[in-house]
Amino acid sequence: MALTVYLIVDPMCSWCWGFRPVWDEFQGTLPDEVAVVDLMGGLAPDTEQPMDAPTRDYVQSAWRAVAQRTDARFNFAFWDECSPRRTTYPACRAVVAAGLQRTQARKLMYEAVQSAYFLLAKNPSEESTLIALAEESGLDADRFAADLGSAAVNQQLANELRKVREFGVTGFPSLIWHWQPPGDEPRYGLLAAGYTDLDRLQARWTELVG
């Protein structure tokens, strides 16, 4: 079975945070022959500008909506203790940079950023926060710091964002299935768009694979 599932997420997306337990349980049920590839979605591009009041209100309202629907926990002290910017690209680069040290470190950094942002009121838009998380995660912090702004990491993120656009994905989390039949054109489709509970996700998977 040449089947791949693409997990398209952003470390600072609150709905991705709410979806994380669902994904972890669902992924644990996938057959070994199904490949899983995560792609960074790039929710908000680079900026040095502080987040304006309407955006702060919008993001906080999203946190409350996610908490109500998914029971995910959020630390709203972030909004008093940090100076947020509407950018998630640094956090996405951190995931890519971690993966340069070892493939499994992408997931490690992704989850570290989520916990830092949503639970510990730390700002993953700041490079210093990301470097500290890399060190706490057991990565080579000096190499990570050098990689974070490197051409290789920027190119890899650009490649991932291009792939996301090719799939037509505009919201996160999203799951795309991709099947390469022997000697035929590749096929792909949408498995989930936005937060999806476990029962619905498993039902869609059953429909797909039979």
N, C-alpha and C. Protein backbone atom coordinates (compact mmCIF):
# COMPACT_ATOMS: atom_id res chain seq x y z
N MET A 1 0.85 -1.19 0.00
CA MET A 1 0.00 0.00 0.00
C MET A 1 0.89 1.24 0.00
N ALA A 2 0.95 1.94 -1.14
CA ALA A 2 1.76 3.16 -1.22
C ALA A 2 0.91 4.35 -0.82
N LEU A 3 0.55 4.37 0.45
CA LEU A 3 -0.36 5.41 0.95
C LEU A 3 0.37 6.29 1.96
N THR A 4 0.23 7.60 1.77
CA THR A 4 0.83 8.57 2.68
C THR A 4 -0.25 9.47 3.24
N VAL A 5 -0.14 9.78 4.52
CA VAL A 5 -1.02 10.76 5.15
C VAL A 5 -0.18 11.98 5.51
N TYR A 6 -0.58 13.13 4.98
CA TYR A 6 0.09 14.38 5.28
C TYR A 6 -0.65 15.10 6.41
N LEU A 7 0.07 15.39 7.47
CA LEU A 7 -0.46 16.17 8.58
C LEU A 7 0.00 17.61 8.38
N ILE A 8 -0.92 18.51 8.13
CA ILE A 8 -0.59 19.91 7.84
C ILE A 8 -1.05 20.76 9.02
N VAL A 9 -0.07 21.34 9.71
CA VAL A 9 -0.33 22.00 10.98
C VAL A 9 0.56 23.24 11.11
N ASP A 10 0.33 23.98 12.17
CA ASP A 10 1.20 25.10 12.55
C ASP A 10 1.37 25.02 14.06
N PRO A 11 2.60 25.17 14.57
CA PRO A 11 2.83 25.02 16.01
C PRO A 11 2.05 26.02 16.87
N MET A 12 1.68 27.18 16.29
CA MET A 12 1.00 28.20 17.07
C MET A 12 -0.48 28.31 16.71
N CYS A 13 -1.00 27.28 16.04
CA CYS A 13 -2.43 27.23 15.70
C CYS A 13 -3.18 26.59 16.87
N SER A 14 -4.14 27.31 17.43
CA SER A 14 -4.85 26.80 18.61
C SER A 14 -5.70 25.57 18.29
N TRP A 15 -6.26 25.50 17.09
CA TRP A 15 -7.04 24.32 16.73
C TRP A 15 -6.13 23.10 16.55
N CYS A 16 -4.90 23.33 16.12
CA CYS A 16 -3.93 22.22 16.06
C CYS A 16 -3.60 21.71 17.46
N TRP A 17 -3.52 22.62 18.42
CA TRP A 17 -3.30 22.24 19.81
C TRP A 17 -4.47 21.39 20.32
N GLY A 18 -5.68 21.80 20.02
CA GLY A 18 -6.84 21.02 20.43
C GLY A 18 -6.92 19.67 19.74
N PHE A 19 -6.38 19.60 18.52
CA PHE A 19 -6.43 18.37 17.73
C PHE A 19 -5.35 17.37 18.12
N ARG A 20 -4.33 17.83 18.83
CA ARG A 20 -3.17 16.97 19.10
C ARG A 20 -3.52 15.63 19.75
N PRO A 21 -4.35 15.57 20.79
CA PRO A 21 -4.68 14.25 21.37
C PRO A 21 -5.40 13.34 20.37
N VAL A 22 -6.27 13.94 19.54
CA VAL A 22 -6.98 13.15 18.53
C VAL A 22 -5.98 12.55 17.55
N TRP A 23 -5.08 13.39 17.06
CA TRP A 23 -4.09 12.92 16.10
C TRP A 23 -3.20 11.83 16.70
N ASP A 24 -2.74 12.03 17.93
CA ASP A 24 -1.86 11.04 18.56
C ASP A 24 -2.55 9.68 18.65
N GLU A 25 -3.82 9.69 19.02
CA GLU A 25 -4.54 8.42 19.13
C GLU A 25 -4.80 7.82 17.75
N PHE A 26 -5.19 8.67 16.81
CA PHE A 26 -5.46 8.17 15.46
C PHE A 26 -4.19 7.62 14.80
N GLN A 27 -3.09 8.34 14.94
CA GLN A 27 -1.85 7.89 14.32
C GLN A 27 -1.42 6.53 14.87
N GLY A 28 -1.71 6.30 16.14
CA GLY A 28 -1.35 5.03 16.75
C GLY A 28 -2.10 3.84 16.18
N THR A 29 -3.20 4.11 15.46
CA THR A 29 -3.99 3.03 14.85
C THR A 29 -3.63 2.78 13.39
N LEU A 30 -2.79 3.63 12.81
CA LEU A 30 -2.47 3.47 11.39
C LEU A 30 -1.56 2.27 11.18
N PRO A 31 -1.77 1.54 10.10
CA PRO A 31 -0.87 0.42 9.78
C PRO A 31 0.56 0.91 9.57
N ASP A 32 1.52 0.05 9.84
CA ASP A 32 2.93 0.42 9.70
C ASP A 32 3.28 0.84 8.28
N GLU A 33 2.58 0.30 7.30
CA GLU A 33 2.94 0.60 5.91
C GLU A 33 2.44 1.97 5.44
N VAL A 34 1.61 2.62 6.25
CA VAL A 34 1.15 3.97 5.89
C VAL A 34 2.21 4.99 6.35
N ALA A 35 2.73 5.74 5.42
CA ALA A 35 3.72 6.77 5.75
C ALA A 35 3.01 8.02 6.25
N VAL A 36 3.60 8.67 7.25
CA VAL A 36 3.06 9.92 7.78
C VAL A 36 4.10 11.01 7.59
N VAL A 37 3.69 12.10 6.98
CA VAL A 37 4.58 13.23 6.72
C VAL A 37 3.92 14.49 7.27
N ASP A 38 4.63 15.21 8.12
CA ASP A 38 4.08 16.47 8.62
C ASP A 38 4.62 17.63 7.80
N LEU A 39 3.75 18.60 7.54
CA LEU A 39 4.12 19.81 6.81
C LEU A 39 3.72 21.02 7.64
N MET A 40 4.61 22.02 7.70
CA MET A 40 4.29 23.25 8.41
C MET A 40 3.41 24.14 7.53
N GLY A 41 2.34 24.64 8.12
CA GLY A 41 1.36 25.39 7.35
C GLY A 41 1.66 26.87 7.21
N GLY A 42 2.48 27.43 8.11
CA GLY A 42 2.80 28.85 7.99
C GLY A 42 1.58 29.74 8.15
N LEU A 43 0.99 29.70 9.33
CA LEU A 43 -0.25 30.42 9.58
C LEU A 43 -0.10 31.93 9.40
N ALA A 44 1.01 32.50 9.87
CA ALA A 44 1.19 33.95 9.81
C ALA A 44 2.64 34.27 9.48
N PRO A 45 2.89 35.08 8.43
CA PRO A 45 4.26 35.33 7.97
C PRO A 45 5.05 36.23 8.91
N ASP A 46 6.30 36.44 8.57
CA ASP A 46 7.20 37.21 9.42
C ASP A 46 6.75 38.66 9.57
N THR A 47 6.88 39.16 10.78
CA THR A 47 6.65 40.57 11.06
C THR A 47 7.32 40.92 12.38
N GLU A 48 7.78 42.15 12.49
CA GLU A 48 8.33 42.65 13.74
C GLU A 48 7.32 43.53 14.47
N GLN A 49 6.16 43.72 13.87
CA GLN A 49 5.15 44.60 14.45
C GLN A 49 4.40 43.91 15.58
N PRO A 50 4.14 44.63 16.68
CA PRO A 50 3.33 44.05 17.76
C PRO A 50 1.92 43.73 17.25
N MET A 51 1.33 42.73 17.82
CA MET A 51 -0.03 42.35 17.46
C MET A 51 -1.00 43.45 17.87
N ASP A 52 -1.85 43.87 16.95
CA ASP A 52 -2.78 44.94 17.29
C ASP A 52 -3.94 44.41 18.13
N ALA A 53 -4.70 45.32 18.72
CA ALA A 53 -5.76 44.95 19.66
C ALA A 53 -6.82 44.05 19.03
N PRO A 54 -7.32 44.36 17.82
CA PRO A 54 -8.34 43.46 17.24
C PRO A 54 -7.81 42.04 17.02
N THR A 55 -6.54 41.91 16.61
CA THR A 55 -5.98 40.57 16.40
C THR A 55 -5.80 39.85 17.72
N ARG A 56 -5.35 40.58 18.75
CA ARG A 56 -5.24 39.97 20.08
C ARG A 56 -6.59 39.42 20.53
N ASP A 57 -7.64 40.21 20.33
CA ASP A 57 -8.99 39.78 20.73
C ASP A 57 -9.43 38.55 19.93
N TYR A 58 -9.11 38.57 18.63
CA TYR A 58 -9.49 37.45 17.76
C TYR A 58 -8.82 36.16 18.20
N VAL A 59 -7.51 36.23 18.46
CA VAL A 59 -6.77 35.03 18.83
C VAL A 59 -7.25 34.50 20.19
N GLN A 60 -7.47 35.40 21.13
CA GLN A 60 -7.95 34.96 22.45
C GLN A 60 -9.35 34.33 22.35
N SER A 61 -10.18 34.86 21.47
CA SER A 61 -11.51 34.27 21.31
C SER A 61 -11.40 32.88 20.68
N ALA A 62 -10.41 32.71 19.80
CA ALA A 62 -10.17 31.38 19.22
C ALA A 62 -9.72 30.41 20.30
N TRP A 63 -8.85 30.86 21.21
CA TRP A 63 -8.43 30.00 22.33
C TRP A 63 -9.64 29.54 23.13
N ARG A 64 -10.53 30.47 23.42
CA ARG A 64 -11.71 30.11 24.22
C ARG A 64 -12.60 29.12 23.47
N ALA A 65 -12.74 29.29 22.16
CA ALA A 65 -13.56 28.38 21.36
C ALA A 65 -12.95 26.98 21.34
N VAL A 66 -11.64 26.91 21.19
CA VAL A 66 -10.96 25.61 21.17
C VAL A 66 -11.10 24.93 22.53
N ALA A 67 -10.91 25.70 23.60
CA ALA A 67 -11.03 25.13 24.95
C ALA A 67 -12.42 24.56 25.18
N GLN A 68 -13.44 25.28 24.72
CA GLN A 68 -14.82 24.84 24.93
C GLN A 68 -15.12 23.57 24.15
N ARG A 69 -14.61 23.49 22.92
CA ARG A 69 -14.94 22.33 22.09
C ARG A 69 -14.09 21.11 22.39
N THR A 70 -12.82 21.31 22.75
CA THR A 70 -11.88 20.19 22.83
C THR A 70 -11.37 19.89 24.24
N ASP A 71 -11.67 20.78 25.20
CA ASP A 71 -11.14 20.66 26.57
C ASP A 71 -9.64 20.91 26.65
N ALA A 72 -9.04 21.45 25.59
CA ALA A 72 -7.63 21.81 25.65
C ALA A 72 -7.44 22.95 26.66
N ARG A 73 -6.29 22.94 27.35
CA ARG A 73 -6.01 23.97 28.34
C ARG A 73 -5.18 25.09 27.72
N PHE A 74 -5.42 26.31 28.17
CA PHE A 74 -4.69 27.48 27.71
C PHE A 74 -4.33 28.34 28.91
N ASN A 75 -3.16 28.97 28.83
CA ASN A 75 -2.70 29.88 29.87
C ASN A 75 -2.81 31.30 29.33
N PHE A 76 -3.87 32.00 29.73
CA PHE A 76 -4.12 33.34 29.21
C PHE A 76 -3.19 34.38 29.80
N ALA A 77 -2.32 33.98 30.71
CA ALA A 77 -1.30 34.90 31.22
C ALA A 77 -0.36 35.33 30.10
N PHE A 78 -0.29 34.55 29.04
CA PHE A 78 0.54 34.91 27.91
C PHE A 78 0.28 36.34 27.45
N TRP A 79 -0.99 36.72 27.44
CA TRP A 79 -1.37 38.01 26.88
C TRP A 79 -0.98 39.19 27.77
N ASP A 80 -0.67 38.91 29.03
CA ASP A 80 -0.19 39.95 29.93
C ASP A 80 1.33 39.94 30.07
N GLU A 81 1.91 38.75 29.96
CA GLU A 81 3.34 38.60 30.24
C GLU A 81 4.23 38.71 29.00
N CYS A 82 3.67 38.56 27.82
CA CYS A 82 4.45 38.58 26.58
C CYS A 82 4.03 39.74 25.69
N SER A 83 4.85 39.99 24.70
CA SER A 83 4.55 41.01 23.68
C SER A 83 4.35 40.27 22.36
N PRO A 84 3.13 39.82 22.10
CA PRO A 84 2.90 38.95 20.94
C PRO A 84 3.04 39.68 19.61
N ARG A 85 3.54 38.94 18.62
CA ARG A 85 3.54 39.39 17.24
C ARG A 85 2.75 38.37 16.44
N ARG A 86 2.08 38.83 15.40
CA ARG A 86 1.28 37.91 14.60
C ARG A 86 2.17 37.24 13.56
N THR A 87 3.05 36.39 14.05
CA THR A 87 3.91 35.62 13.16
C THR A 87 4.13 34.24 13.74
N THR A 88 3.97 33.22 12.87
CA THR A 88 4.25 31.85 13.28
C THR A 88 5.39 31.24 12.48
N TYR A 89 5.92 31.98 11.52
CA TYR A 89 7.02 31.45 10.72
C TYR A 89 8.25 31.07 11.56
N PRO A 90 8.64 31.87 12.57
CA PRO A 90 9.79 31.44 13.38
C PRO A 90 9.57 30.07 14.03
N ALA A 91 8.35 29.83 14.53
CA ALA A 91 8.05 28.53 15.14
C ALA A 91 8.09 27.41 14.10
N CYS A 92 7.59 27.69 12.90
CA CYS A 92 7.65 26.69 11.82
C CYS A 92 9.11 26.39 11.47
N ARG A 93 9.94 27.44 11.39
CA ARG A 93 11.36 27.22 11.10
C ARG A 93 12.01 26.39 12.21
N ALA A 94 11.59 26.59 13.44
CA ALA A 94 12.16 25.83 14.55
C ALA A 94 11.91 24.34 14.37
N VAL A 95 10.72 23.98 13.91
CA VAL A 95 10.41 22.57 13.66
C VAL A 95 11.31 22.02 12.56
N VAL A 96 11.46 22.79 11.49
CA VAL A 96 12.31 22.37 10.38
C VAL A 96 13.76 22.25 10.84
N ALA A 97 14.24 23.23 11.59
CA ALA A 97 15.64 23.21 12.06
C ALA A 97 15.89 22.02 12.98
N ALA A 98 14.94 21.71 13.83
CA ALA A 98 15.09 20.55 14.71
C ALA A 98 15.21 19.28 13.90
N GLY A 99 14.43 19.19 12.81
CA GLY A 99 14.47 18.01 11.97
C GLY A 99 15.78 17.81 11.26
N LEU A 100 16.57 18.86 11.11
CA LEU A 100 17.89 18.71 10.50
C LEU A 100 18.83 17.92 11.40
N GLN A 101 18.57 17.96 12.70
CA GLN A 101 19.43 17.21 13.63
C GLN A 101 19.01 15.75 13.70
N ARG A 102 17.72 15.51 13.73
CA ARG A 102 17.22 14.15 13.61
C ARG A 102 15.73 14.23 13.28
N THR A 103 15.26 13.33 12.46
CA THR A 103 13.89 13.39 11.94
C THR A 103 12.86 13.45 13.07
N GLN A 104 13.07 12.64 14.11
CA GLN A 104 12.09 12.57 15.20
C GLN A 104 12.00 13.88 15.97
N ALA A 105 13.01 14.73 15.84
CA ALA A 105 13.04 15.98 16.60
C ALA A 105 12.03 16.99 16.06
N ARG A 106 11.52 16.79 14.85
CA ARG A 106 10.46 17.68 14.36
C ARG A 106 9.26 17.62 15.30
N LYS A 107 8.81 16.41 15.60
CA LYS A 107 7.67 16.24 16.50
C LYS A 107 7.99 16.77 17.89
N LEU A 108 9.20 16.53 18.34
CA LEU A 108 9.63 16.99 19.65
C LEU A 108 9.54 18.52 19.75
N MET A 109 10.06 19.21 18.74
CA MET A 109 10.04 20.67 18.76
C MET A 109 8.63 21.21 18.57
N TYR A 110 7.86 20.58 17.69
CA TYR A 110 6.47 20.99 17.47
C TYR A 110 5.70 20.97 18.79
N GLU A 111 5.84 19.89 19.53
CA GLU A 111 5.12 19.77 20.79
C GLU A 111 5.69 20.69 21.86
N ALA A 112 7.00 20.92 21.83
CA ALA A 112 7.62 21.84 22.79
C ALA A 112 7.12 23.26 22.57
N VAL A 113 7.01 23.67 21.32
CA VAL A 113 6.49 25.00 21.01
C VAL A 113 5.05 25.13 21.47
N GLN A 114 4.24 24.13 21.19
CA GLN A 114 2.84 24.17 21.62
C GLN A 114 2.73 24.33 23.13
N SER A 115 3.45 23.52 23.86
CA SER A 115 3.37 23.57 25.33
C SER A 115 3.87 24.91 25.86
N ALA A 116 4.95 25.42 25.27
CA ALA A 116 5.50 26.70 25.71
C ALA A 116 4.49 27.82 25.48
N TYR A 117 3.87 27.82 24.34
CA TYR A 117 2.95 28.89 23.95
C TYR A 117 1.63 28.81 24.71
N PHE A 118 0.99 27.65 24.65
CA PHE A 118 -0.37 27.54 25.17
C PHE A 118 -0.44 27.29 26.68
N LEU A 119 0.59 26.69 27.26
CA LEU A 119 0.55 26.35 28.68
C LEU A 119 1.49 27.17 29.55
N LEU A 120 2.65 27.55 29.01
CA LEU A 120 3.69 28.16 29.85
C LEU A 120 3.85 29.66 29.62
N ALA A 121 3.01 30.23 28.78
CA ALA A 121 3.01 31.68 28.52
C ALA A 121 4.38 32.17 28.04
N LYS A 122 5.00 31.37 27.15
CA LYS A 122 6.26 31.78 26.52
C LYS A 122 5.97 32.13 25.07
N ASN A 123 6.80 32.99 24.50
CA ASN A 123 6.52 33.52 23.17
C ASN A 123 7.38 32.85 22.09
N PRO A 124 6.81 31.93 21.30
CA PRO A 124 7.59 31.23 20.28
C PRO A 124 7.88 32.09 19.05
N SER A 125 7.39 33.32 19.03
CA SER A 125 7.77 34.22 17.95
C SER A 125 9.16 34.81 18.18
N GLU A 126 9.70 34.61 19.41
CA GLU A 126 11.02 35.11 19.76
C GLU A 126 12.07 34.01 19.58
N GLU A 127 13.16 34.36 18.91
CA GLU A 127 14.22 33.39 18.65
C GLU A 127 14.80 32.83 19.95
N SER A 128 14.93 33.68 20.97
CA SER A 128 15.51 33.24 22.24
C SER A 128 14.67 32.14 22.87
N THR A 129 13.35 32.24 22.75
CA THR A 129 12.46 31.19 23.28
C THR A 129 12.70 29.88 22.55
N LEU A 130 12.82 29.94 21.24
CA LEU A 130 12.98 28.73 20.44
C LEU A 130 14.32 28.05 20.73
N ILE A 131 15.37 28.83 20.89
CA ILE A 131 16.68 28.26 21.20
C ILE A 131 16.66 27.59 22.57
N ALA A 132 16.00 28.23 23.54
CA ALA A 132 15.88 27.63 24.87
C ALA A 132 15.11 26.31 24.80
N LEU A 133 14.06 26.27 24.00
CA LEU A 133 13.28 25.03 23.85
C LEU A 133 14.13 23.93 23.21
N ALA A 134 14.95 24.31 22.23
CA ALA A 134 15.82 23.31 21.60
C ALA A 134 16.78 22.72 22.62
N GLU A 135 17.36 23.56 23.46
CA GLU A 135 18.28 23.07 24.47
C GLU A 135 17.57 22.18 25.47
N GLU A 136 16.37 22.60 25.91
CA GLU A 136 15.60 21.80 26.86
C GLU A 136 15.19 20.46 26.25
N SER A 137 15.08 20.42 24.94
CA SER A 137 14.67 19.19 24.24
C SER A 137 15.84 18.27 23.93
N GLY A 138 17.04 18.67 24.35
CA GLY A 138 18.21 17.82 24.15
C GLY A 138 18.88 17.98 22.80
N LEU A 139 18.54 19.04 22.07
CA LEU A 139 19.18 19.29 20.79
C LEU A 139 20.46 20.09 21.00
N ASP A 140 21.29 20.11 19.98
CA ASP A 140 22.49 20.94 19.98
C ASP A 140 22.03 22.38 19.77
N ALA A 141 22.02 23.17 20.85
CA ALA A 141 21.45 24.51 20.79
C ALA A 141 22.24 25.44 19.87
N ASP A 142 23.55 25.30 19.84
CA ASP A 142 24.36 26.15 18.96
C ASP A 142 24.08 25.85 17.49
N ARG A 143 24.01 24.58 17.17
CA ARG A 143 23.68 24.22 15.78
C ARG A 143 22.27 24.68 15.44
N PHE A 144 21.35 24.49 16.37
CA PHE A 144 19.97 24.90 16.14
C PHE A 144 19.89 26.40 15.86
N ALA A 145 20.58 27.19 16.68
CA ALA A 145 20.55 28.64 16.51
C ALA A 145 21.10 29.04 15.15
N ALA A 146 22.16 28.36 14.70
CA ALA A 146 22.74 28.65 13.39
C ALA A 146 21.80 28.23 12.27
N ASP A 147 21.13 27.09 12.45
CA ASP A 147 20.24 26.58 11.41
C ASP A 147 18.97 27.42 11.27
N LEU A 148 18.54 28.01 12.37
CA LEU A 148 17.22 28.65 12.43
C LEU A 148 17.04 29.70 11.34
N GLY A 149 18.07 30.48 11.08
CA GLY A 149 17.95 31.51 10.05
C GLY A 149 18.69 31.17 8.77
N SER A 150 19.02 29.90 8.60
CA SER A 150 19.85 29.49 7.47
C SER A 150 19.04 29.41 6.18
N ALA A 151 19.77 29.46 5.06
CA ALA A 151 19.14 29.33 3.75
C ALA A 151 18.47 27.96 3.61
N ALA A 152 19.10 26.93 4.18
CA ALA A 152 18.54 25.58 4.07
C ALA A 152 17.18 25.48 4.74
N VAL A 153 17.06 26.06 5.93
CA VAL A 153 15.78 26.01 6.65
C VAL A 153 14.73 26.85 5.94
N ASN A 154 15.12 28.03 5.48
CA ASN A 154 14.17 28.87 4.75
C ASN A 154 13.68 28.19 3.48
N GLN A 155 14.57 27.50 2.79
CA GLN A 155 14.18 26.80 1.57
C GLN A 155 13.26 25.63 1.88
N GLN A 156 13.57 24.88 2.95
CA GLN A 156 12.72 23.76 3.32
C GLN A 156 11.33 24.23 3.71
N LEU A 157 11.26 25.33 4.47
CA LEU A 157 9.94 25.85 4.83
C LEU A 157 9.19 26.30 3.58
N ALA A 158 9.88 26.97 2.68
CA ALA A 158 9.23 27.39 1.43
C ALA A 158 8.71 26.19 0.65
N ASN A 159 9.47 25.11 0.62
CA ASN A 159 9.03 23.90 -0.07
C ASN A 159 7.77 23.32 0.57
N GLU A 160 7.74 23.33 1.90
CA GLU A 160 6.57 22.80 2.60
C GLU A 160 5.35 23.67 2.36
N LEU A 161 5.53 24.98 2.40
CA LEU A 161 4.42 25.89 2.15
C LEU A 161 3.90 25.72 0.72
N ARG A 162 4.80 25.49 -0.23
CA ARG A 162 4.39 25.28 -1.62
C ARG A 162 3.56 23.99 -1.74
N LYS A 163 4.00 22.95 -1.05
CA LYS A 163 3.26 21.69 -1.08
C LYS A 163 1.86 21.87 -0.49
N VAL A 164 1.78 22.62 0.60
CA VAL A 164 0.49 22.89 1.23
C VAL A 164 -0.44 23.61 0.25
N ARG A 165 0.10 24.59 -0.48
CA ARG A 165 -0.71 25.32 -1.46
C ARG A 165 -1.14 24.40 -2.60
N GLU A 166 -0.24 23.50 -3.01
CA GLU A 166 -0.60 22.56 -4.08
C GLU A 166 -1.77 21.68 -3.67
N PHE A 167 -1.83 21.33 -2.40
CA PHE A 167 -2.95 20.54 -1.90
C PHE A 167 -4.23 21.37 -1.77
N GLY A 168 -4.11 22.69 -1.87
CA GLY A 168 -5.28 23.56 -1.74
C GLY A 168 -5.69 23.80 -0.30
N VAL A 169 -4.79 23.52 0.63
CA VAL A 169 -5.11 23.67 2.05
C VAL A 169 -4.93 25.13 2.47
N THR A 170 -5.92 25.67 3.15
CA THR A 170 -5.86 27.04 3.64
C THR A 170 -6.11 27.14 5.15
N GLY A 171 -6.49 26.05 5.79
CA GLY A 171 -6.76 26.06 7.22
C GLY A 171 -6.11 24.86 7.90
N PHE A 172 -5.90 24.99 9.19
CA PHE A 172 -5.18 23.95 9.94
C PHE A 172 -5.96 23.60 11.21
N PRO A 173 -5.85 22.34 11.65
CA PRO A 173 -5.11 21.24 11.02
C PRO A 173 -5.85 20.68 9.81
N SER A 174 -5.11 20.10 8.89
CA SER A 174 -5.69 19.40 7.75
C SER A 174 -4.93 18.08 7.55
N LEU A 175 -5.66 17.09 7.10
CA LEU A 175 -5.07 15.80 6.76
C LEU A 175 -5.37 15.49 5.30
N ILE A 176 -4.33 15.18 4.56
CA ILE A 176 -4.45 14.83 3.14
C ILE A 176 -3.94 13.40 2.95
N TRP A 177 -4.72 12.58 2.25
CA TRP A 177 -4.20 11.27 1.89
C TRP A 177 -3.65 11.32 0.46
N HIS A 178 -2.60 10.57 0.24
CA HIS A 178 -1.93 10.54 -1.07
C HIS A 178 -1.61 9.09 -1.39
N TRP A 179 -2.08 8.65 -2.54
CA TRP A 179 -1.91 7.25 -2.94
C TRP A 179 -1.22 7.20 -4.30
N GLN A 180 -0.19 6.40 -4.37
CA GLN A 180 0.55 6.22 -5.62
C GLN A 180 0.33 4.80 -6.13
N PRO A 181 -0.68 4.60 -6.99
CA PRO A 181 -0.88 3.25 -7.54
C PRO A 181 0.28 2.88 -8.45
N PRO A 182 0.68 1.62 -8.45
CA PRO A 182 1.78 1.19 -9.32
C PRO A 182 1.47 1.47 -10.79
N GLY A 183 2.35 2.19 -11.45
CA GLY A 183 2.20 2.45 -12.87
C GLY A 183 1.07 3.38 -13.23
N ASP A 184 0.57 4.16 -12.28
CA ASP A 184 -0.57 5.04 -12.56
C ASP A 184 -0.29 6.42 -11.96
N GLU A 185 -1.18 7.36 -12.27
CA GLU A 185 -1.03 8.72 -11.75
C GLU A 185 -1.32 8.74 -10.25
N PRO A 186 -0.61 9.58 -9.49
CA PRO A 186 -0.89 9.69 -8.06
C PRO A 186 -2.28 10.28 -7.81
N ARG A 187 -2.85 9.87 -6.73
CA ARG A 187 -4.17 10.37 -6.34
C ARG A 187 -4.10 10.89 -4.91
N TYR A 188 -4.85 11.93 -4.63
CA TYR A 188 -4.89 12.44 -3.27
C TYR A 188 -6.26 13.05 -2.98
N GLY A 189 -6.55 13.19 -1.70
CA GLY A 189 -7.83 13.75 -1.31
C GLY A 189 -7.79 14.22 0.14
N LEU A 190 -8.87 14.83 0.56
CA LEU A 190 -8.96 15.41 1.90
C LEU A 190 -9.49 14.37 2.87
N LEU A 191 -8.75 14.15 3.93
CA LEU A 191 -9.21 13.26 5.00
C LEU A 191 -9.89 14.06 6.11
N ALA A 192 -9.36 15.23 6.42
CA ALA A 192 -9.95 16.09 7.44
C ALA A 192 -9.52 17.52 7.21
N ALA A 193 -10.44 18.45 7.41
CA ALA A 193 -10.14 19.87 7.32
C ALA A 193 -10.61 20.54 8.60
N GLY A 194 -9.70 21.15 9.32
CA GLY A 194 -10.05 21.72 10.60
C GLY A 194 -10.14 20.66 11.68
N TYR A 195 -10.51 21.08 12.88
CA TYR A 195 -10.61 20.12 13.98
C TYR A 195 -11.65 19.05 13.66
N THR A 196 -11.26 17.80 13.86
CA THR A 196 -12.14 16.66 13.62
C THR A 196 -12.00 15.71 14.79
N ASP A 197 -13.13 15.28 15.36
CA ASP A 197 -13.02 14.39 16.51
C ASP A 197 -12.63 12.98 16.07
N LEU A 198 -12.24 12.17 17.02
CA LEU A 198 -11.65 10.87 16.70
C LEU A 198 -12.64 9.96 15.99
N ASP A 199 -13.88 9.91 16.43
CA ASP A 199 -14.86 9.01 15.81
C ASP A 199 -15.07 9.36 14.34
N ARG A 200 -15.20 10.64 14.06
CA ARG A 200 -15.42 11.05 12.68
C ARG A 200 -14.18 10.78 11.83
N LEU A 201 -13.01 11.02 12.40
CA LEU A 201 -11.78 10.79 11.65
C LEU A 201 -11.61 9.30 11.33
N GLN A 202 -11.88 8.45 12.30
CA GLN A 202 -11.75 7.01 12.06
C GLN A 202 -12.79 6.52 11.04
N ALA A 203 -13.99 7.11 11.08
CA ALA A 203 -15.02 6.73 10.11
C ALA A 203 -14.59 7.11 8.69
N ARG A 204 -14.00 8.29 8.54
CA ARG A 204 -13.53 8.71 7.22
C ARG A 204 -12.40 7.81 6.74
N TRP A 205 -11.53 7.41 7.66
CA TRP A 205 -10.43 6.54 7.28
C TRP A 205 -10.95 5.18 6.82
N THR A 206 -11.94 4.66 7.51
CA THR A 206 -12.54 3.38 7.13
C THR A 206 -13.15 3.46 5.74
N GLU A 207 -13.82 4.58 5.43
CA GLU A 207 -14.38 4.78 4.10
C GLU A 207 -13.30 4.78 3.04
N LEU A 208 -12.15 5.35 3.38
CA LEU A 208 -11.06 5.46 2.42
C LEU A 208 -10.41 4.12 2.12
N VAL A 209 -10.07 3.38 3.17
CA VAL A 209 -9.30 2.15 2.97
C VAL A 209 -10.17 0.91 2.87
N GLY A 210 -11.43 1.03 3.25
CA GLY A 210 -12.33 -0.10 3.16
C GLY A 210 -12.16 -1.11 4.26
